[in-house]
Protein backbone atom coordinates (compact mmCIF):
# COMPACT_ATOMS: atom_id res chain seq x y z
CA UNK A 1 -26.56 -11.38 39.18
CA UNK A 2 -22.86 -12.11 39.27
CA UNK A 3 -20.84 -11.89 36.04
CA UNK A 4 -20.00 -15.15 34.31
CA UNK A 5 -17.23 -16.19 31.92
CA UNK A 6 -16.52 -14.15 28.74
CA UNK A 7 -18.09 -10.90 29.91
CA UNK A 8 -21.70 -12.07 29.87
CA UNK A 9 -24.06 -12.48 32.77
CA UNK A 10 -25.94 -15.69 33.42
CA UNK A 11 -29.22 -14.05 32.47
CA UNK A 12 -27.85 -13.24 28.99
CA UNK A 13 -27.67 -9.50 29.59
CA UNK A 14 -24.42 -8.06 28.32
CA UNK A 15 -21.78 -7.01 30.78
CA UNK A 16 -19.15 -4.44 29.83
CA UNK A 17 -16.77 -5.76 27.13
CA UNK A 18 -13.30 -4.21 27.44
CA UNK A 19 -11.76 -2.35 24.49
CA UNK A 20 -8.92 -3.85 22.45
CA UNK A 21 -6.07 -1.81 23.91
CA UNK A 22 -3.12 -2.10 26.28
CA UNK A 23 -4.21 -1.38 29.83
CA UNK A 24 -0.70 -0.16 30.69
CA UNK A 25 -0.08 2.16 27.68
CA UNK A 26 -3.70 3.16 27.24
CA UNK A 27 -3.44 2.81 23.45
CA UNK A 28 -3.88 0.21 20.70
CA UNK A 29 -0.96 1.56 18.63
CA UNK A 30 1.51 -1.14 19.67
CA UNK A 31 -0.76 -4.19 19.65
CA UNK A 32 0.00 -7.38 17.79
CA UNK A 33 -3.12 -9.55 17.49
CA UNK A 34 -2.21 -13.17 18.19
CA UNK A 35 -5.51 -14.97 17.73
CA UNK A 36 -9.22 -14.43 17.16
CA UNK A 37 -11.71 -17.19 17.87
CA UNK A 38 -15.47 -17.37 17.99
CA UNK A 39 -17.35 -17.63 21.25
CA UNK A 40 -19.99 -20.36 20.87
CA UNK A 41 -23.46 -19.43 22.10
CA UNK A 42 -22.61 -15.71 22.08
CA UNK A 43 -23.54 -12.89 19.71
CA UNK A 44 -21.69 -12.91 16.37
CA UNK A 45 -20.32 -9.40 16.99
CA UNK A 46 -18.28 -10.62 20.00
CA UNK A 47 -15.14 -12.78 19.62
CA UNK A 48 -12.31 -13.93 21.88
CA UNK A 49 -9.13 -11.99 21.06
CA UNK A 50 -5.58 -12.41 22.35
CA UNK A 51 -2.86 -9.85 21.79
CA UNK A 52 0.53 -8.60 22.95
CA UNK A 53 1.63 -4.99 23.37
CA UNK A 54 5.01 -4.59 21.66
CA UNK A 55 5.81 -1.62 23.86
CA UNK A 56 5.09 -3.19 27.28
CA UNK A 57 5.39 -6.87 26.33
CA UNK A 58 2.10 -7.55 28.12
CA UNK A 59 -0.21 -10.32 26.88
CA UNK A 60 -3.98 -10.12 27.23
CA UNK A 61 -6.96 -12.26 26.18
CA UNK A 62 -10.61 -11.31 26.53
CA UNK A 63 -13.91 -11.02 24.66
CA UNK A 64 -13.99 -8.09 22.23
CA UNK A 65 -16.38 -6.47 19.84
CA UNK A 66 -15.56 -7.19 16.19
CA UNK A 67 -15.82 -3.45 15.40
CA UNK A 68 -13.09 -2.66 17.97
CA UNK A 69 -10.89 -5.45 16.65
CA UNK A 70 -11.28 -4.22 13.04
CA UNK A 71 -9.84 -0.84 14.05
CA UNK A 72 -6.59 -2.57 15.08
CA UNK A 73 -6.48 -5.08 12.20
CA UNK A 74 -7.30 -2.41 9.61
CA UNK A 75 -3.95 -0.67 9.94
CA UNK A 76 -1.93 -0.42 6.73
CA UNK A 77 1.32 -1.76 8.18
CA UNK A 78 1.16 -5.56 8.54
CA UNK A 79 3.18 -7.19 11.30
CA UNK A 80 5.58 -9.99 10.44
CA UNK A 81 3.87 -12.31 12.88
CA UNK A 82 1.39 -15.07 12.23
CA UNK A 83 -2.23 -14.36 13.14
CA UNK A 84 -4.56 -17.25 13.86
CA UNK A 85 -8.03 -16.20 12.74
CA UNK A 86 -10.59 -18.93 13.30
CA UNK A 87 -8.97 -21.99 11.75
CA UNK A 88 -6.76 -19.98 9.35
CA UNK A 89 -3.16 -18.85 9.72
CA UNK A 90 -2.36 -15.44 8.23
CA UNK A 91 1.06 -13.92 7.50
CA UNK A 92 1.61 -10.63 5.68
CA UNK A 93 -2.16 -10.14 5.94
CA UNK A 94 -2.86 -13.14 3.66
CA UNK A 95 -3.93 -16.70 4.44
CA UNK A 96 -1.12 -19.24 4.36
CA UNK A 97 -1.55 -22.18 1.97
CA UNK A 98 -0.82 -25.81 2.70
CA UNK A 99 2.46 -26.76 1.01
CA UNK A 100 2.64 -30.44 1.92
CA UNK A 101 3.43 -32.48 4.98
CA UNK A 102 6.53 -33.85 6.66
CA UNK A 103 7.45 -36.62 9.04
CA UNK A 104 9.87 -35.40 11.72
CA UNK A 105 11.95 -37.55 14.06
CA UNK A 106 12.69 -36.24 17.52
CA UNK A 107 15.17 -38.09 19.71
CA UNK A 108 16.68 -37.66 23.16
CA UNK A 109 18.90 -39.82 25.36
CA UNK A 110 17.06 -41.95 27.92
CA UNK A 111 19.50 -40.80 30.55
CA UNK A 112 22.24 -38.19 30.96
CA UNK A 113 24.47 -40.98 32.17
CA UNK A 114 25.28 -43.86 29.89
CA UNK A 115 25.43 -44.76 26.22
CA UNK A 116 24.47 -42.13 23.64
CA UNK A 117 23.08 -44.88 21.39
CA UNK A 118 20.38 -45.57 23.99
CA UNK A 119 17.80 -42.96 22.92
CA UNK A 120 14.06 -42.46 22.84
CA UNK A 121 12.56 -41.51 19.47
CA UNK A 122 9.23 -39.99 18.54
CA UNK A 123 7.90 -39.52 15.02
CA UNK A 124 5.69 -36.50 14.44
CA UNK A 125 3.58 -35.85 11.34
CA UNK A 126 3.39 -32.14 10.48
CA UNK A 127 1.67 -30.01 7.88
CA UNK A 128 3.67 -27.31 6.15
CA UNK A 129 2.04 -23.91 5.61
CA UNK A 130 3.59 -21.33 3.28
CA UNK A 131 2.94 -17.62 2.77
CA UNK A 132 3.22 -15.91 -0.63
CA UNK A 133 6.26 -14.01 0.73
CA UNK A 134 8.14 -17.29 1.26
CA UNK A 135 7.71 -17.62 5.02
CA UNK A 136 6.73 -21.13 6.04
CA UNK A 137 6.02 -23.02 9.22
CA UNK A 138 5.16 -26.53 10.33
CA UNK A 139 2.28 -27.52 12.61
CA UNK A 140 1.61 -30.92 14.15
CA UNK A 141 -1.16 -32.83 12.35
C-alpha cells in the first residue's frame, strides 16, 4: 500500500518515522523545538514536532516518537525561545501564566495618497502571557 499522511499507511501499519535531527548536519545538537502537537487517531507515542536547526537555519516538521523528542528536550540548557507544547506556551522550560488581557488598536491609511486622517482601524483583543523570568508576550484571543 502507498504511504499516507503523517508516516502511517492506510492499513494502520507503521511506516518509518524519521528521527528528530537535522538532515543537513546529521545531529540534534543545534535543534530548537518550535511546537509539539498530538496526532488524533494515532498512537500516543507519536506526535507532530516542528523544529529549526540553529546551525543551518533549516525548518522541519514531521511525526516523531515521543522518546526521540525527549532526548532533545531533556537537555540542561534551555533555549530563550517559546515552545508551544499542546495548548501551553513554555519559556525558560516553564509554562507561561496568563497575566491579563489587552485591547490593541491597529491603524493604517486607506491610501498612500491623500489625507493622513483618513485611516482604517481594527481593534484586537489579546491575552498576555508572562514567564517567571519576566518575559511576556501577547496572543490574539
